[in-house]
Amino acid sequence: MTPGSPASARPHSDRPSSIAELRRVAQPPEVRLRANAEHWTASLYLRDLSPYVTWMLLKTRISANGVTALMILVGWSTAAALLIPGIGGALLALVLGQLQMLIDCCDGEVARWRRTSSPAGVFLDKVGHYSTEALIPIALGIRAAAYPFEAPADYLFTTLGLMLALIIVLNKALNDMVHVARANAGLTKLADTHGEKTPTSSLLARARKFARFLPFHRLYHSVELTMVIFAAAVVGLIFGQPIVDRVVLFAIVPLAFLSLIGHFVAIMASKRVRS
């Protein structure tokens, strides 16, 4: 949920006169209807809460980029919380993961209200999501290894965590590679619509429909991953830890690799890289 472009008409006052006015300027339809940039939690409830947080932020001198920096710190704290053993650390990470997404909504709203959207803001937003979604699986690997490590066996799990982090970052980078490739080829920017992602192959189109019923490729966002880790912590209360975290790690690493391959094939088969 990057800051995006500012609204065409901004109120003369430095602060909104009402939440309704703030919503009109900071949450235009082109933001709420984005196919890729809006996480499902935003559509479900975060965009309903974010204007109230943005209202308070606009009373301060913090910039939109400053809000994004706060989002980055909360994301890193989400990963750090997983280093706390037991269900307490998993619960804290779950809450912080939601908080990060809430602040992620607010930085764009502050930018649109103040008309301060910039490439720097988009860049910082990317840094926040890339780094957070790399640090969480690394923390999961450390959590599964159960510090203090008993080498060499426990290093298997830290290695799996690092492998998962690499796969997740590569998967995220594929989307940015598409934009870079199109820009270098002199093509127009892609519209954020589902039509641009539709595979030209009927077989891949059917596979895409199947993925909607079993969306394991969505597990690797920070929100979903913290949910999975929290669920594992709850199950671990019954079956013991770190065995449950280890089972989860063994299960999601190959699924992540399958998701990476599928994402690559889907891009190559879509209109996104066609001139």
Protein backbone atom coordinates (compact mmCIF):
# COMPACT_ATOMS: atom_id res chain seq x y z
CA MET A 1 0.00 0.00 0.00
CA THR A 2 2.34 2.66 -1.27
CA PRO A 3 1.58 6.34 -0.86
CA GLY A 4 0.26 6.71 -4.42
CA SER A 5 -0.64 9.88 -6.24
CA PRO A 6 -2.21 12.83 -4.44
CA ALA A 7 -5.81 13.82 -4.87
CA SER A 8 -6.48 16.46 -7.49
CA ALA A 9 -8.22 18.79 -5.08
CA ARG A 10 -6.87 19.41 -1.64
CA PRO A 11 -8.64 21.40 1.08
CA HIS A 12 -7.19 24.81 1.87
CA SER A 13 -6.76 23.99 5.54
CA ASP A 14 -3.76 22.07 6.83
CA ARG A 15 -6.03 19.63 8.63
CA PRO A 16 -9.28 17.97 7.57
CA SER A 17 -12.48 19.34 9.01
CA SER A 18 -14.01 15.87 9.32
CA ILE A 19 -13.23 12.19 8.91
CA ALA A 20 -15.52 12.16 5.87
CA GLU A 21 -13.44 14.87 4.20
CA LEU A 22 -10.25 13.00 5.04
CA ARG A 23 -11.64 9.79 3.53
CA ARG A 24 -12.65 11.63 0.35
CA VAL A 25 -9.16 13.03 -0.20
CA ALA A 26 -6.97 10.28 1.26
CA GLN A 27 -8.97 7.22 0.16
CA PRO A 28 -10.09 7.91 -3.42
CA PRO A 29 -11.60 5.04 -5.46
CA GLU A 30 -8.35 4.47 -7.36
CA VAL A 31 -6.74 3.58 -4.02
CA ARG A 32 -9.52 1.44 -2.58
CA LEU A 33 -10.01 -0.52 -5.81
CA ARG A 34 -6.37 -1.41 -6.49
CA ALA A 35 -6.05 -5.10 -7.35
CA ASN A 36 -2.51 -5.69 -6.09
CA ALA A 37 -1.52 -2.93 -3.69
CA GLU A 38 -4.39 -3.33 -1.23
CA HIS A 39 -3.99 -6.19 1.22
CA TRP A 40 -7.16 -8.02 2.19
CA THR A 41 -6.89 -6.74 5.77
CA ALA A 42 -7.11 -3.20 4.42
CA SER A 43 -10.35 -3.96 2.61
CA LEU A 44 -11.67 -5.92 5.59
CA TYR A 45 -11.13 -3.38 8.35
CA LEU A 46 -7.87 -1.39 8.28
CA ARG A 47 -9.11 1.27 5.85
CA ASP A 48 -12.04 1.82 8.21
CA LEU A 49 -9.67 2.48 11.12
CA SER A 50 -6.79 4.23 9.36
CA PRO A 51 -8.45 7.67 8.90
CA TYR A 52 -8.70 8.05 12.66
CA VAL A 53 -4.99 7.33 13.06
CA THR A 54 -4.18 9.59 10.10
CA TRP A 55 -6.29 12.34 11.71
CA MET A 56 -4.03 12.22 14.77
CA LEU A 57 -0.86 12.07 12.67
CA LEU A 58 -1.93 15.18 10.76
CA LYS A 59 -1.99 17.05 14.07
CA THR A 60 1.76 16.46 14.33
CA ARG A 61 4.65 17.56 12.12
CA ILE A 62 5.58 14.02 11.10
CA SER A 63 5.96 13.64 7.35
CA ALA A 64 4.56 10.84 5.21
CA ASN A 65 8.07 9.43 4.93
CA GLY A 66 8.36 9.63 8.70
CA VAL A 67 5.19 7.53 9.00
CA THR A 68 6.70 5.03 6.57
CA ALA A 69 9.85 4.88 8.70
CA LEU A 70 7.62 4.11 11.69
CA MET A 71 6.01 1.33 9.64
CA ILE A 72 9.46 -0.12 8.95
CA LEU A 73 10.37 -0.12 12.65
CA VAL A 74 7.09 -1.87 13.55
CA GLY A 75 7.79 -4.47 10.86
CA TRP A 76 11.24 -5.18 12.23
CA SER A 77 9.75 -5.38 15.72
CA THR A 78 7.31 -8.00 14.42
CA ALA A 79 10.22 -10.25 13.47
CA ALA A 80 12.05 -9.50 16.73
CA ALA A 81 8.96 -10.51 18.74
CA LEU A 82 9.22 -14.02 17.31
CA LEU A 83 12.51 -14.45 19.15
CA ILE A 84 10.49 -14.46 22.39
CA PRO A 85 9.82 -18.15 23.14
CA GLY A 86 6.34 -19.57 23.48
CA ILE A 87 2.94 -18.28 22.53
CA GLY A 88 3.65 -14.82 23.97
CA GLY A 89 6.14 -13.94 21.25
CA ALA A 90 3.88 -15.31 18.52
CA LEU A 91 0.91 -13.32 19.83
CA LEU A 92 2.96 -10.12 20.01
CA ALA A 93 4.16 -10.68 16.44
CA LEU A 94 0.57 -11.23 15.29
CA VAL A 95 -0.54 -7.91 16.81
CA LEU A 96 2.50 -6.00 15.50
CA GLY A 97 1.97 -7.43 12.02
CA GLN A 98 -1.54 -5.96 11.97
CA LEU A 99 -0.23 -2.66 13.37
CA GLN A 100 2.37 -2.46 10.61
CA MET A 101 -0.34 -2.79 7.97
CA LEU A 102 -2.43 -0.13 9.69
CA ILE A 103 0.48 2.32 9.64
CA ASP A 104 1.13 1.28 6.04
CA CYS A 105 -2.35 2.59 5.21
CA CYS A 106 -1.69 5.85 7.05
CA ASP A 107 1.55 6.88 5.31
CA GLY A 108 -0.20 7.05 1.95
CA GLU A 109 -3.14 8.90 3.46
CA VAL A 110 -0.84 11.50 5.00
CA ALA A 111 0.97 11.87 1.66
CA ARG A 112 -2.26 12.28 -0.31
CA TRP A 113 -3.68 14.85 2.11
CA ARG A 114 -0.49 16.92 2.21
CA ARG A 115 0.26 16.27 -1.47
CA THR A 116 3.76 15.06 -0.63
CA SER A 117 3.83 11.76 -2.53
CA SER A 118 7.31 11.08 -3.89
CA PRO A 119 9.54 8.30 -5.27
CA ALA A 120 11.34 8.35 -1.91
CA GLY A 121 8.11 7.35 -0.19
CA VAL A 122 7.54 4.46 -2.60
CA PHE A 123 11.16 3.36 -2.12
CA LEU A 124 10.88 3.42 1.68
CA ASP A 125 7.63 1.46 1.48
CA LYS A 126 9.40 -1.22 -0.57
CA VAL A 127 12.27 -1.31 1.93
CA GLY A 128 9.78 -1.82 4.75
CA HIS A 129 7.96 -4.73 3.16
CA TYR A 130 11.01 -6.46 1.67
CA SER A 131 12.99 -6.31 4.91
CA THR A 132 10.09 -7.31 7.17
CA GLU A 133 9.09 -10.25 5.01
CA ALA A 134 12.70 -11.43 4.94
CA LEU A 135 13.27 -11.04 8.68
CA ILE A 136 10.13 -12.93 9.76
CA PRO A 137 11.14 -16.30 8.21
CA ILE A 138 14.69 -15.84 9.53
CA ALA A 139 13.21 -15.35 13.01
CA LEU A 140 11.01 -18.42 12.46
CA GLY A 141 14.13 -20.45 11.65
CA ILE A 142 15.79 -19.30 14.88
CA ARG A 143 12.56 -20.03 16.76
CA ALA A 144 12.39 -23.55 15.29
CA ALA A 145 16.06 -24.18 16.14
CA ALA A 146 15.28 -23.36 19.80
CA TYR A 147 18.21 -21.30 21.06
CA PRO A 148 20.75 -22.21 22.41
CA PHE A 149 21.67 -24.10 19.24
CA GLU A 150 23.08 -27.61 19.39
CA ALA A 151 25.20 -27.68 16.26
CA PRO A 152 25.00 -29.08 13.68
CA ALA A 153 21.40 -30.32 13.88
CA ASP A 154 19.76 -27.03 14.86
CA TYR A 155 21.47 -25.15 12.06
CA LEU A 156 19.26 -27.05 9.64
CA PHE A 157 16.32 -24.93 10.80
CA THR A 158 18.16 -21.62 10.66
CA THR A 159 19.25 -22.56 7.14
CA LEU A 160 15.65 -23.34 6.18
CA GLY A 161 14.61 -19.97 7.59
CA LEU A 162 17.24 -18.21 5.48
CA MET A 163 16.17 -20.21 2.43
CA LEU A 164 12.55 -19.24 2.98
CA ALA A 165 13.54 -15.58 3.34
CA LEU A 166 15.44 -15.71 0.03
CA ILE A 167 12.52 -17.34 -1.80
CA ILE A 168 10.05 -14.79 -0.42
CA VAL A 169 12.25 -11.84 -1.44
CA LEU A 170 12.76 -13.29 -4.93
CA ASN A 171 9.03 -13.81 -5.29
CA LYS A 172 8.34 -10.19 -4.33
CA ALA A 173 11.10 -8.97 -6.64
CA LEU A 174 9.48 -10.62 -9.68
CA ASN A 175 6.72 -7.99 -9.68
CA ASP A 176 9.25 -5.16 -9.53
CA MET A 177 11.28 -6.85 -12.29
CA VAL A 178 8.21 -6.64 -14.53
CA HIS A 179 7.99 -2.86 -14.03
CA VAL A 180 11.72 -2.44 -14.66
CA ALA A 181 11.57 -4.58 -17.81
CA ARG A 182 8.63 -2.62 -19.21
CA ALA A 183 10.27 0.72 -18.39
CA ASN A 184 13.51 -0.34 -20.09
CA ALA A 185 11.54 -1.47 -23.14
CA GLY A 186 9.76 1.88 -23.34
CA LEU A 187 6.33 0.42 -22.52
CA THR A 188 3.64 2.14 -20.51
CA LYS A 189 3.13 1.49 -16.81
CA LEU A 190 0.86 -1.44 -16.06
CA ALA A 191 -2.63 -0.74 -14.81
CA ASP A 192 -3.28 -2.29 -11.40
CA THR A 193 -6.03 -4.59 -12.68
CA HIS A 194 -6.63 -8.33 -12.73
CA GLY A 195 -6.89 -8.34 -16.52
CA GLU A 196 -3.21 -7.58 -16.98
CA LYS A 197 -2.30 -10.68 -14.94
CA THR A 198 -4.54 -13.12 -16.80
CA PRO A 199 -2.46 -15.88 -18.45
CA THR A 200 -2.84 -16.30 -22.19
CA SER A 201 -2.65 -20.10 -21.86
CA SER A 202 -5.93 -21.86 -21.04
CA LEU A 203 -4.06 -24.45 -18.96
CA LEU A 204 -2.42 -21.75 -16.84
CA ALA A 205 -5.74 -19.93 -16.56
CA ARG A 206 -7.27 -23.07 -15.06
CA ALA A 207 -4.32 -23.44 -12.71
CA ARG A 208 -4.85 -19.84 -11.62
CA LYS A 209 -8.50 -20.56 -10.83
CA PHE A 210 -7.44 -23.58 -8.78
CA ALA A 211 -4.98 -21.42 -6.83
CA ARG A 212 -7.85 -19.18 -5.76
CA PHE A 213 -9.41 -22.15 -3.95
CA LEU A 214 -6.10 -23.17 -2.35
CA PRO A 215 -4.18 -19.88 -2.03
CA PHE A 216 -1.03 -21.19 -0.34
CA HIS A 217 0.94 -18.64 -2.39
CA ARG A 218 -0.49 -15.96 -0.10
CA LEU A 219 1.07 -17.44 3.03
CA TYR A 220 4.29 -15.49 2.71
CA HIS A 221 3.10 -11.98 3.38
CA SER A 222 4.01 -10.75 6.86
CA VAL A 223 0.36 -10.81 8.00
CA GLU A 224 -0.37 -14.36 6.86
CA LEU A 225 2.99 -15.67 8.04
CA THR A 226 2.50 -14.28 11.55
CA MET A 227 -0.95 -15.90 11.58
CA VAL A 228 0.54 -19.26 10.63
CA ILE A 229 3.24 -18.92 13.30
CA PHE A 230 0.65 -17.98 15.94
CA ALA A 231 -1.49 -20.98 14.96
CA ALA A 232 1.61 -23.17 15.26
CA ALA A 233 2.25 -21.73 18.74
CA VAL A 234 -1.30 -22.60 19.80
CA VAL A 235 -0.93 -26.17 18.48
CA GLY A 236 2.45 -26.28 20.19
CA LEU A 237 0.74 -25.85 23.54
CA ILE A 238 -0.67 -29.35 22.98
CA PHE A 239 2.03 -31.16 21.02
CA GLY A 240 5.06 -29.27 22.27
CA GLN A 241 7.60 -26.94 20.75
CA PRO A 242 9.78 -26.55 18.82
CA ILE A 243 8.47 -29.62 16.98
CA VAL A 244 5.40 -27.81 15.58
CA ASP A 245 7.46 -24.84 14.35
CA ARG A 246 9.81 -27.30 12.65
CA VAL A 247 6.96 -29.10 10.92
CA VAL A 248 5.59 -25.77 9.69
CA LEU A 249 9.01 -24.77 8.38
CA PHE A 250 9.48 -28.07 6.56
CA ALA A 251 6.03 -27.70 5.00
CA ILE A 252 6.11 -24.09 3.82
CA VAL A 253 9.63 -23.97 2.32
CA PRO A 254 8.78 -26.30 -0.63
CA LEU A 255 5.40 -24.60 -1.01
CA ALA A 256 7.17 -21.24 -1.21
CA PHE A 257 9.49 -22.57 -3.91
CA LEU A 258 6.48 -23.91 -5.85
CA SER A 259 4.84 -20.50 -5.50
CA LEU A 260 7.98 -18.80 -6.86
CA ILE A 261 8.07 -21.05 -9.93
CA GLY A 262 4.35 -20.59 -10.51
CA HIS A 263 4.65 -16.82 -10.22
CA PHE A 264 7.46 -16.76 -12.79
CA VAL A 265 5.52 -18.93 -15.25
CA ALA A 266 2.38 -16.82 -14.77
CA ILE A 267 4.29 -13.61 -15.55
CA MET A 268 5.86 -15.06 -18.68
CA ALA A 269 2.44 -16.28 -19.85
CA SER A 270 0.63 -12.97 -19.21
CA LYS A 271 0.40 -9.67 -21.06
CA ARG A 272 2.71 -7.97 -18.55
CA VAL A 273 5.94 -8.76 -20.41
CA ARG A 274 4.53 -8.59 -23.91
CA SER A 275 5.22 -5.59 -26.11
